[in-house]
PDB file of N, CA and C in Angstrom:
ATOM      1  N   MET A   1      14.136 -14.105   1.464  1.00  0.00           N
ATOM      2  CA  MET A   1      14.811 -13.417   0.382  1.00  0.00           C
ATOM      3  C   MET A   1      13.867 -13.209  -0.801  1.00  0.00           C
ATOM      4  N   LYS A   2      13.059 -14.228  -1.093  1.00  0.00           N
ATOM      5  CA  LYS A   2      12.119 -14.130  -2.207  1.00  0.00           C
ATOM      6  C   LYS A   2      11.124 -12.993  -1.977  1.00  0.00           C
ATOM      7  N   ASP A   3      10.646 -12.855  -0.730  1.00  0.00           N
ATOM      8  CA  ASP A   3       9.715 -11.770  -0.414  1.00  0.00           C
ATOM      9  C   ASP A   3      10.359 -10.409  -0.643  1.00  0.00           C
ATOM     10  N   PHE A   4      11.610 -10.279  -0.251  1.00  0.00           N
ATOM     11  CA  PHE A   4      12.317  -9.016  -0.459  1.00  0.00           C
ATOM     12  C   PHE A   4      12.432  -8.702  -1.945  1.00  0.00           C
ATOM     13  N   LEU A   5      12.784  -9.705  -2.750  1.00  0.00           N
ATOM     14  CA  LEU A   5      12.921  -9.487  -4.192  1.00  0.00           C
ATOM     15  C   LEU A   5      11.587  -9.110  -4.824  1.00  0.00           C
ATOM     16  N   ASN A   6      10.510  -9.742  -4.374  1.00  0.00           N
ATOM     17  CA  ASN A   6       9.176  -9.383  -4.875  1.00  0.00           C
ATOM     18  C   ASN A   6       8.820  -7.957  -4.484  1.00  0.00           C
ATOM     19  N   TRP A   7       9.107  -7.591  -3.229  1.00  0.00           N
ATOM     20  CA  TRP A   7       8.833  -6.229  -2.761  1.00  0.00           C
ATOM     21  C   TRP A   7       9.618  -5.219  -3.584  1.00  0.00           C
ATOM     22  N   ARG A   8      10.894  -5.514  -3.813  1.00  0.00           N
ATOM     23  CA  ARG A   8      11.755  -4.609  -4.578  1.00  0.00           C
ATOM     24  C   ARG A   8      11.256  -4.464  -6.016  1.00  0.00           C
ATOM     25  N   ALA A   9      10.877  -5.561  -6.629  1.00  0.00           N
ATOM     26  CA  ALA A   9      10.372  -5.519  -8.008  1.00  0.00           C
ATOM     27  C   ALA A   9       9.083  -4.708  -8.080  1.00  0.00           C
ATOM     28  N   GLU A  10       8.200  -4.878  -7.119  1.00  0.00           N
ATOM     29  CA  GLU A  10       6.936  -4.139  -7.113  1.00  0.00           C
ATOM     30  C   GLU A  10       7.186  -2.646  -6.928  1.00  0.00           C
ATOM     31  N   ASN A  11       8.069  -2.278  -6.020  1.00  0.00           N
ATOM     32  CA  ASN A  11       8.358  -0.858  -5.825  1.00  0.00           C
ATOM     33  C   ASN A  11       9.022  -0.259  -7.051  1.00  0.00           C
ATOM     34  N   HIS A  12       9.855  -1.007  -7.728  1.00  0.00           N
ATOM     35  CA  HIS A  12      10.467  -0.509  -8.966  1.00  0.00           C
ATOM     36  C   HIS A  12       9.382  -0.251 -10.010  1.00  0.00           C
ATOM     37  N   ARG A  13       8.404  -1.166 -10.113  1.00  0.00           N
ATOM     38  CA  ARG A  13       7.310  -0.992 -11.064  1.00  0.00           C
ATOM     39  C   ARG A  13       6.506   0.254 -10.719  1.00  0.00           C
ATOM     40  N   ILE A  14       6.229   0.454  -9.439  1.00  0.00           N
ATOM     41  CA  ILE A  14       5.469   1.630  -9.013  1.00  0.00           C
ATOM     42  C   ILE A  14       6.239   2.898  -9.346  1.00  0.00           C
ATOM     43  N   LEU A  15       7.533   2.923  -9.055  1.00  0.00           N
ATOM     44  CA  LEU A  15       8.328   4.108  -9.363  1.00  0.00           C
ATOM     45  C   LEU A  15       8.339   4.380 -10.853  1.00  0.00           C
ATOM     46  N   THR A  16       8.460   3.336 -11.666  1.00  0.00           N
ATOM     47  CA  THR A  16       8.436   3.521 -13.114  1.00  0.00           C
ATOM     48  C   THR A  16       7.095   4.088 -13.547  1.00  0.00           C
ATOM     49  N   ASP A  17       6.004   3.551 -12.999  1.00  0.00           N
ATOM     50  CA  ASP A  17       4.665   4.058 -13.320  1.00  0.00           C
ATOM     51  C   ASP A  17       4.518   5.515 -12.901  1.00  0.00           C
ATOM     52  N   ILE A  18       5.065   5.854 -11.748  1.00  0.00           N
ATOM     53  CA  ILE A  18       4.998   7.235 -11.267  1.00  0.00           C
ATOM     54  C   ILE A  18       5.763   8.154 -12.205  1.00  0.00           C
ATOM     55  N   GLU A  19       6.936   7.726 -12.640  1.00  0.00           N
ATOM     56  CA  GLU A  19       7.723   8.544 -13.563  1.00  0.00           C
ATOM     57  C   GLU A  19       6.980   8.774 -14.874  1.00  0.00           C
ATOM     58  N   ILE A  20       6.337   7.739 -15.387  1.00  0.00           N
ATOM     59  CA  ILE A  20       5.563   7.869 -16.628  1.00  0.00           C
ATOM     60  C   ILE A  20       4.384   8.804 -16.408  1.00  0.00           C
ATOM     61  N   LEU A  21       3.684   8.625 -15.295  1.00  0.00           N
ATOM     62  CA  LEU A  21       2.544   9.484 -14.984  1.00  0.00           C
ATOM     63  C   LEU A  21       2.981  10.937 -14.851  1.00  0.00           C
ATOM     64  N   LEU A  22       4.092  11.155 -14.166  1.00  0.00           N
ATOM     65  CA  LEU A  22       4.617  12.511 -14.015  1.00  0.00           C
ATOM     66  C   LEU A  22       4.870  13.136 -15.377  1.00  0.00           C
ATOM     67  N   TYR A  23       5.512  12.423 -16.251  1.00  0.00           N
ATOM     68  CA  TYR A  23       5.823  12.954 -17.579  1.00  0.00           C
ATOM     69  C   TYR A  23       4.542  13.248 -18.360  1.00  0.00           C
ATOM     70  N   GLU A  24       3.621  12.289 -18.396  1.00  0.00           N
ATOM     71  CA  GLU A  24       2.390  12.473 -19.169  1.00  0.00           C
ATOM     72  C   GLU A  24       1.569  13.641 -18.637  1.00  0.00           C
ATOM     73  N   ARG A  25       1.424  13.719 -17.331  1.00  0.00           N
ATOM     74  CA  ARG A  25       0.635  14.802 -16.739  1.00  0.00           C
ATOM     75  C   ARG A  25       1.308  16.154 -16.941  1.00  0.00           C
ATOM     76  N   ALA A  26       2.605  16.196 -16.751  1.00  0.00           N
ATOM     77  CA  ALA A  26       3.326  17.460 -16.905  1.00  0.00           C
ATOM     78  C   ALA A  26       3.228  17.963 -18.338  1.00  0.00           C
ATOM     79  N   VAL A  27       3.355  17.074 -19.304  1.00  0.00           N
ATOM     80  CA  VAL A  27       3.246  17.475 -20.708  1.00  0.00           C
ATOM     81  C   VAL A  27       1.834  17.947 -21.009  1.00  0.00           C
ATOM     82  N   ALA A  28       0.843  17.266 -20.465  1.00  0.00           N
ATOM     83  CA  ALA A  28      -0.550  17.598 -20.747  1.00  0.00           C
ATOM     84  C   ALA A  28      -0.926  18.993 -20.269  1.00  0.00           C
ATOM     85  N   VAL A  29      -0.339  19.434 -19.175  1.00  0.00           N
ATOM     86  CA  VAL A  29      -0.734  20.730 -18.620  1.00  0.00           C
ATOM     87  C   VAL A  29       0.302  21.824 -18.828  1.00  0.00           C
ATOM     88  N   ALA A  30       1.468  21.473 -19.338  1.00  0.00           N
ATOM     89  CA  ALA A  30       2.567  22.441 -19.407  1.00  0.00           C
ATOM     90  C   ALA A  30       2.209  23.680 -20.214  1.00  0.00           C
ATOM     91  N   ASP A  31       1.526  23.508 -21.334  1.00  0.00           N
ATOM     92  CA  ASP A  31       1.204  24.655 -22.170  1.00  0.00           C
ATOM     93  C   ASP A  31       0.188  25.581 -21.511  1.00  0.00           C
ATOM     94  N   SER A  32      -0.740  25.016 -20.762  1.00  0.00           N
ATOM     95  CA  SER A  32      -1.820  25.830 -20.214  1.00  0.00           C
ATOM     96  C   SER A  32      -1.581  26.290 -18.780  1.00  0.00           C
ATOM     97  N   ASP A  33      -0.810  25.533 -18.012  1.00  0.00           N
ATOM     98  CA  ASP A  33      -0.698  25.890 -16.599  1.00  0.00           C
ATOM     99  C   ASP A  33       0.567  25.298 -15.986  1.00  0.00           C
ATOM    100  N   ILE A  34       1.630  26.059 -15.962  1.00  0.00           N
ATOM    101  CA  ILE A  34       2.902  25.596 -15.398  1.00  0.00           C
ATOM    102  C   ILE A  34       2.754  25.295 -13.904  1.00  0.00           C
ATOM    103  N   MET A  35       1.940  26.065 -13.210  1.00  0.00           N
ATOM    104  CA  MET A  35       1.748  25.832 -11.782  1.00  0.00           C
ATOM    105  C   MET A  35       1.147  24.450 -11.538  1.00  0.00           C
ATOM    106  N   GLN A  36       0.226  24.023 -12.397  1.00  0.00           N
ATOM    107  CA  GLN A  36      -0.373  22.696 -12.253  1.00  0.00           C
ATOM    108  C   GLN A  36       0.693  21.618 -12.420  1.00  0.00           C
ATOM    109  N   ALA A  37       1.584  21.786 -13.374  1.00  0.00           N
ATOM    110  CA  ALA A  37       2.666  20.813 -13.573  1.00  0.00           C
ATOM    111  C   ALA A  37       3.539  20.724 -12.321  1.00  0.00           C
ATOM    112  N   ASP A  38       3.803  21.865 -11.686  1.00  0.00           N
ATOM    113  CA  ASP A  38       4.589  21.861 -10.450  1.00  0.00           C
ATOM    114  C   ASP A  38       3.854  21.111  -9.345  1.00  0.00           C
ATOM    115  N   ARG A  39       2.540  21.294  -9.257  1.00  0.00           N
ATOM    116  CA  ARG A  39       1.749  20.606  -8.231  1.00  0.00           C
ATOM    117  C   ARG A  39       1.755  19.096  -8.466  1.00  0.00           C
ATOM    118  N   ILE A  40       1.638  18.695  -9.710  1.00  0.00           N
ATOM    119  CA  ILE A  40       1.680  17.270 -10.038  1.00  0.00           C
ATOM    120  C   ILE A  40       3.017  16.684  -9.609  1.00  0.00           C
ATOM    121  N   ARG A  41       4.078  17.407  -9.880  1.00  0.00           N
ATOM    122  CA  ARG A  41       5.415  16.950  -9.490  1.00  0.00           C
ATOM    123  C   ARG A  41       5.486  16.782  -7.965  1.00  0.00           C
ATOM    124  N   GLU A  42       4.912  17.719  -7.220  1.00  0.00           N
ATOM    125  CA  GLU A  42       4.910  17.617  -5.757  1.00  0.00           C
ATOM    126  C   GLU A  42       4.169  16.368  -5.299  1.00  0.00           C
ATOM    127  N   VAL A  43       3.013  16.089  -5.905  1.00  0.00           N
ATOM    128  CA  VAL A  43       2.238  14.912  -5.523  1.00  0.00           C
ATOM    129  C   VAL A  43       3.015  13.636  -5.822  1.00  0.00           C
ATOM    130  N   ILE A  44       3.700  13.612  -6.957  1.00  0.00           N
ATOM    131  CA  ILE A  44       4.507  12.439  -7.298  1.00  0.00           C
ATOM    132  C   ILE A  44       5.584  12.218  -6.240  1.00  0.00           C
ATOM    133  N   TYR A  45       6.269  13.280  -5.839  1.00  0.00           N
ATOM    134  CA  TYR A  45       7.319  13.131  -4.832  1.00  0.00           C
ATOM    135  C   TYR A  45       6.737  12.734  -3.479  1.00  0.00           C
ATOM    136  N   GLU A  46       5.531  13.206  -3.155  1.00  0.00           N
ATOM    137  CA  GLU A  46       4.873  12.764  -1.927  1.00  0.00           C
ATOM    138  C   GLU A  46       4.620  11.264  -1.989  1.00  0.00           C
ATOM    139  N   ASN A  47       4.197  10.776  -3.145  1.00  0.00           N
ATOM    140  CA  ASN A  47       3.947   9.344  -3.302  1.00  0.00           C
ATOM    141  C   ASN A  47       5.218   8.537  -3.115  1.00  0.00           C
ATOM    142  N   ILE A  48       6.307   9.009  -3.666  1.00  0.00           N
ATOM    143  CA  ILE A  48       7.574   8.290  -3.534  1.00  0.00           C
ATOM    144  C   ILE A  48       7.964   8.201  -2.062  1.00  0.00           C
ATOM    145  N   GLU A  49       7.759   9.280  -1.319  1.00  0.00           N
ATOM    146  CA  GLU A  49       8.094   9.286   0.103  1.00  0.00           C
ATOM    147  C   GLU A  49       7.183   8.366   0.903  1.00  0.00           C
ATOM    148  N   ASN A  50       5.963   8.123   0.424  1.00  0.00           N
ATOM    149  CA  ASN A  50       4.981   7.343   1.176  1.00  0.00           C
ATOM    150  C   ASN A  50       4.791   5.928   0.642  1.00  0.00           C
ATOM    151  N   LEU A  51       5.742   5.419  -0.129  1.00  0.00           N
ATOM    152  CA  LEU A  51       5.567   4.089  -0.713  1.00  0.00           C
ATOM    153  C   LEU A  51       5.410   2.996   0.334  1.00  0.00           C
ATOM    154  N   SER A  52       5.914   3.210   1.532  1.00  0.00           N
ATOM    155  CA  SER A  52       5.813   2.174   2.551  1.00  0.00           C
ATOM    156  C   SER A  52       4.385   1.997   3.049  1.00  0.00           C
ATOM    157  N   ASP A  53       3.529   2.969   2.813  1.00  0.00           N
ATOM    158  CA  ASP A  53       2.139   2.884   3.267  1.00  0.00           C
ATOM    159  C   ASP A  53       1.225   2.935   2.047  1.00  0.00           C
ATOM    160  N   ALA A  54       0.699   1.784   1.667  1.00  0.00           N
ATOM    161  CA  ALA A  54      -0.099   1.691   0.436  1.00  0.00           C
ATOM    162  C   ALA A  54      -1.323   2.597   0.478  1.00  0.00           C
ATOM    163  N   SER A  55      -1.935   2.778   1.646  1.00  0.00           N
ATOM    164  CA  SER A  55      -3.121   3.630   1.706  1.00  0.00           C
ATOM    165  C   SER A  55      -2.755   5.085   1.413  1.00  0.00           C
ATOM    166  N   ASP A  56      -1.607   5.557   1.897  1.00  0.00           N
ATOM    167  CA  ASP A  56      -1.155   6.912   1.569  1.00  0.00           C
ATOM    168  C   ASP A  56      -0.874   7.033   0.086  1.00  0.00           C
ATOM    169  N   PHE A  57      -0.284   5.991  -0.487  1.00  0.00           N
ATOM    170  CA  PHE A  57       0.031   6.004  -1.918  1.00  0.00           C
ATOM    171  C   PHE A  57      -1.251   6.160  -2.734  1.00  0.00           C
ATOM    172  N   ASP A  58      -2.263   5.343  -2.427  1.00  0.00           N
ATOM    173  CA  ASP A  58      -3.532   5.415  -3.158  1.00  0.00           C
ATOM    174  C   ASP A  58      -4.196   6.767  -2.961  1.00  0.00           C
ATOM    175  N   LEU A  59      -4.159   7.287  -1.747  1.00  0.00           N
ATOM    176  CA  LEU A  59      -4.767   8.585  -1.457  1.00  0.00           C
ATOM    177  C   LEU A  59      -4.094   9.693  -2.248  1.00  0.00           C
ATOM    178  N   ASN A  60      -2.776   9.686  -2.293  1.00  0.00           N
ATOM    179  CA  ASN A  60      -2.055  10.726  -3.017  1.00  0.00           C
ATOM    180  C   ASN A  60      -2.266  10.628  -4.519  1.00  0.00           C
ATOM    181  N   ILE A  61      -2.371   9.420  -5.064  1.00  0.00           N
ATOM    182  CA  ILE A  61      -2.639   9.268  -6.497  1.00  0.00           C
ATOM    183  C   ILE A  61      -3.993   9.894  -6.827  1.00  0.00           C
ATOM    184  N   LYS A  62      -4.964   9.740  -5.945  1.00  0.00           N
ATOM    185  CA  LYS A  62      -6.291  10.314  -6.188  1.00  0.00           C
ATOM    186  C   LYS A  62      -6.236  11.834  -6.256  1.00  0.00           C
ATOM    187  N   LYS A  63      -5.266  12.460  -5.585  1.00  0.00           N
ATOM    188  CA  LYS A  63      -5.120  13.914  -5.643  1.00  0.00           C
ATOM    189  C   LYS A  63      -4.835  14.385  -7.063  1.00  0.00           C
ATOM    190  N   LEU A  64      -4.213  13.535  -7.873  1.00  0.00           N
ATOM    191  CA  LEU A  64      -3.887  13.920  -9.245  1.00  0.00           C
ATOM    192  C   LEU A  64      -5.135  14.084 -10.097  1.00  0.00           C
ATOM    193  N   HIS A  65      -6.222  13.444  -9.699  1.00  0.00           N
ATOM    194  CA  HIS A  65      -7.425  13.452 -10.518  1.00  0.00           C
ATOM    195  C   HIS A  65      -8.427  14.511 -10.084  1.00  0.00           C
ATOM    196  N   LYS A  66      -8.039  15.370  -9.153  1.00  0.00           N
ATOM    197  CA  LYS A  66      -8.939  16.442  -8.699  1.00  0.00           C
ATOM    198  C   LYS A  66      -8.963  17.569  -9.684  1.00  0.00           C
TER     199      LYS A  66
END
């Protein structure tokens, strides 16, 4: 049970971080490039779908910095 609670807490933290990152990135590019903001949103949703595989999560986060 403790492992499950730790897993749940960690995933909640990751989701919160993703939400903050989505907001910050979207605001940063919204004035200059709406399409970029849409792409960032897509990458964030890909990360949420791939949370079960940490390597996919790390790989998708790196896409934001291209």
